[in-house]
Amino acid sequence: MIGYTAPYSGTDQDKYTHTIGIVSDSRTIRSVLNIYVKQLTVCKTVLLFSCGGEMEYLGKGHRFDLVIIDVRMSFHKTIPLFRALKAQGIPILACADPDFESRRRELVKAGVTEIISDAVEFWEFQLRCLTLLKLGRQQRQLETFRRWSHQAVTR
């Protein structure tokens, strides 16, 4: 696991606190995705993992706001990771080559939030990441409101 922490200079509590995990068995793909993600101004921490098992083991102490997964890895080995992340409400961005179209349905059923092609432009990758980070934040806020309203009703 390799970590990177961006300089924090803002006062907005939510703006620079995002933690993003990147999972790929290819060092090159991890490096490229890491460079892309580091350029997101809302990202504070990027953690790199070589496989889903490593993420599950080493990433236990972290609260991820987004996980980016290279689905060219052994597909059936990553399905349990997708399901675990979905159960935690963590958005998943899957990076796949264009020939992976046949597996899109399986990815969505397993819990992947968004699927992008390798041929995606840099600006589109950033836009999708920012959208998924916002989605995850809204889901957490909704869950907090649900708990709060449930406690208010049961009092």
Protein backbone atom coordinates (compact mmCIF):
# COMPACT_ATOMS: atom_id res chain seq x y z
CA MET A 1 0.00 0.00 0.00
CA ILE A 2 1.33 3.40 -0.98
CA GLY A 3 -0.19 6.55 0.49
CA TYR A 4 -0.26 10.16 -0.59
CA THR A 5 -1.63 13.05 1.43
CA ALA A 6 -2.27 16.31 -0.39
CA PRO A 7 -1.53 19.59 1.35
CA TYR A 8 -4.55 20.82 3.27
CA SER A 9 -5.09 24.54 3.08
CA GLY A 10 -8.85 25.02 3.23
CA THR A 11 -11.22 25.72 6.05
CA ASP A 12 -14.25 24.04 4.53
CA GLN A 13 -14.67 20.87 6.62
CA ASP A 14 -15.83 18.66 3.78
CA LYS A 15 -13.96 20.11 0.81
CA TYR A 16 -10.53 18.53 1.35
CA THR A 17 -11.30 15.48 3.41
CA HIS A 18 -12.00 12.83 0.80
CA THR A 19 -10.14 9.52 0.93
CA ILE A 20 -9.95 7.60 -2.33
CA GLY A 21 -8.78 4.02 -2.75
CA ILE A 22 -7.31 2.72 -6.00
CA VAL A 23 -7.19 -1.04 -6.64
CA SER A 24 -5.30 -2.52 -9.58
CA ASP A 25 -2.86 -5.37 -10.01
CA SER A 26 -0.99 -3.28 -12.61
CA ARG A 27 1.57 -0.87 -11.16
CA THR A 28 1.30 1.29 -14.30
CA ILE A 29 -2.47 1.65 -14.05
CA ARG A 30 -2.23 2.41 -10.31
CA SER A 31 0.34 5.12 -11.09
CA VAL A 32 -1.73 6.73 -13.85
CA LEU A 33 -4.92 6.70 -11.75
CA ASN A 34 -2.97 8.07 -8.80
CA ILE A 35 -1.73 11.00 -10.92
CA TYR A 36 -5.28 11.70 -12.11
CA VAL A 37 -6.76 11.50 -8.62
CA LYS A 38 -4.04 13.69 -7.07
CA GLN A 39 -5.21 16.48 -9.36
CA LEU A 40 -8.67 16.47 -7.78
CA THR A 41 -8.58 19.45 -5.44
CA VAL A 42 -11.11 17.83 -3.10
CA CYS A 43 -8.96 14.79 -2.37
CA LYS A 44 -6.83 14.63 0.75
CA THR A 45 -5.66 11.01 0.78
CA VAL A 46 -5.08 8.42 -1.95
CA LEU A 47 -4.35 4.83 -0.96
CA LEU A 48 -3.09 2.35 -3.57
CA PHE A 49 -3.70 -1.40 -3.37
CA SER A 50 -2.56 -4.21 -5.66
CA CYS A 51 -5.61 -6.42 -5.06
CA GLY A 52 -8.99 -6.48 -3.33
CA GLY A 53 -7.69 -8.64 -0.51
CA GLU A 54 -4.96 -6.14 0.25
CA MET A 55 -7.55 -3.36 0.35
CA GLU A 56 -9.81 -5.31 2.70
CA TYR A 57 -6.89 -6.07 5.02
CA LEU A 58 -4.88 -2.84 4.95
CA GLY A 59 -7.77 -0.48 4.36
CA LYS A 60 -9.77 -1.44 7.45
CA GLY A 61 -8.82 1.68 9.39
CA HIS A 62 -9.85 4.07 6.63
CA ARG A 63 -13.23 5.50 5.65
CA PHE A 64 -13.21 5.62 1.87
CA ASP A 65 -15.30 8.18 0.03
CA LEU A 66 -14.67 6.56 -3.36
CA VAL A 67 -12.95 3.43 -4.58
CA ILE A 68 -11.60 3.17 -8.13
CA ILE A 69 -11.09 -0.41 -9.28
CA ASP A 70 -9.40 -1.73 -12.40
CA VAL A 71 -11.70 -4.60 -13.39
CA ARG A 72 -9.17 -6.28 -15.65
CA MET A 73 -8.01 -8.09 -12.51
CA SER A 74 -9.51 -11.48 -11.80
CA PHE A 75 -13.17 -10.53 -12.11
CA HIS A 76 -14.62 -13.17 -9.82
CA LYS A 77 -12.13 -12.34 -7.06
CA THR A 78 -13.29 -8.70 -7.00
CA ILE A 79 -17.03 -9.38 -6.73
CA PRO A 80 -16.92 -9.89 -2.91
CA LEU A 81 -15.05 -6.58 -2.61
CA PHE A 82 -17.71 -4.82 -4.71
CA ARG A 83 -20.45 -6.21 -2.49
CA ALA A 84 -18.63 -5.25 0.73
CA LEU A 85 -18.07 -1.69 -0.49
CA LYS A 86 -21.67 -1.37 -1.65
CA ALA A 87 -22.90 -2.54 1.77
CA GLN A 88 -20.87 0.28 3.34
CA GLY A 89 -22.39 2.81 0.92
CA ILE A 90 -19.07 3.55 -0.79
CA PRO A 91 -19.34 4.55 -4.46
CA ILE A 92 -17.31 2.36 -6.82
CA LEU A 93 -15.85 3.56 -10.10
CA ALA A 94 -14.81 0.64 -12.31
CA CYS A 95 -12.23 1.21 -15.05
CA ALA A 96 -12.53 -1.26 -17.91
CA ASP A 97 -11.32 -1.63 -21.46
CA PRO A 98 -13.95 -1.22 -24.19
CA ASP A 99 -14.09 -5.02 -24.73
CA PHE A 100 -15.48 -5.42 -21.21
CA GLU A 101 -19.00 -4.46 -22.34
CA SER A 102 -20.20 -8.04 -21.92
CA ARG A 103 -19.57 -7.86 -18.16
CA ARG A 104 -21.28 -4.51 -17.48
CA ARG A 105 -24.46 -6.15 -16.19
CA GLU A 106 -22.47 -8.35 -13.78
CA LEU A 107 -20.54 -5.32 -12.53
CA VAL A 108 -23.72 -3.37 -11.81
CA LYS A 109 -25.32 -6.37 -10.07
CA ALA A 110 -22.19 -6.73 -7.92
CA GLY A 111 -22.46 -3.12 -6.74
CA VAL A 112 -20.39 -0.98 -9.10
CA THR A 113 -21.77 2.57 -9.20
CA GLU A 114 -20.15 3.77 -12.43
CA ILE A 115 -18.18 2.14 -15.25
CA ILE A 116 -15.77 4.07 -17.45
CA SER A 117 -13.65 3.04 -20.40
CA ASP A 118 -9.88 3.33 -20.52
CA ALA A 119 -10.35 5.68 -23.46
CA VAL A 120 -12.08 8.28 -21.27
CA GLU A 121 -10.71 11.81 -21.36
CA PHE A 122 -9.02 13.20 -18.26
CA TRP A 123 -11.68 15.89 -17.70
CA GLU A 124 -14.45 13.26 -17.88
CA PHE A 125 -12.63 11.04 -15.37
CA GLN A 126 -12.38 13.98 -12.96
CA LEU A 127 -16.02 14.90 -13.49
CA ARG A 128 -17.19 11.36 -12.75
CA CYS A 129 -15.02 11.17 -9.63
CA LEU A 130 -16.39 14.48 -8.34
CA THR A 131 -19.96 13.37 -9.06
CA LEU A 132 -19.45 10.08 -7.20
CA LEU A 133 -17.85 11.88 -4.24
CA LYS A 134 -20.89 14.17 -4.07
CA LEU A 135 -23.23 11.18 -4.34
CA GLY A 136 -21.44 9.41 -1.49
CA ARG A 137 -21.60 12.52 0.70
CA GLN A 138 -25.32 12.88 0.04
CA GLN A 139 -25.91 9.22 0.87
CA ARG A 140 -24.06 9.63 4.19
CA GLN A 141 -26.10 12.76 4.99
CA LEU A 142 -29.32 10.91 4.18
CA GLU A 143 -28.32 8.01 6.43
CA THR A 144 -27.49 10.42 9.26
CA PHE A 145 -30.88 12.07 8.83
CA ARG A 146 -32.62 8.67 8.85
CA ARG A 147 -30.91 7.72 12.11
CA TRP A 148 -31.69 11.09 13.65
CA SER A 149 -35.36 10.98 12.63
CA HIS A 150 -35.67 7.37 13.86
CA GLN A 151 -34.25 8.38 17.25
CA ALA A 152 -36.58 11.39 17.41
CA VAL A 153 -39.63 9.21 16.70
CA THR A 154 -38.70 6.50 19.20
CA ARG A 155 -38.18 8.94 22.10
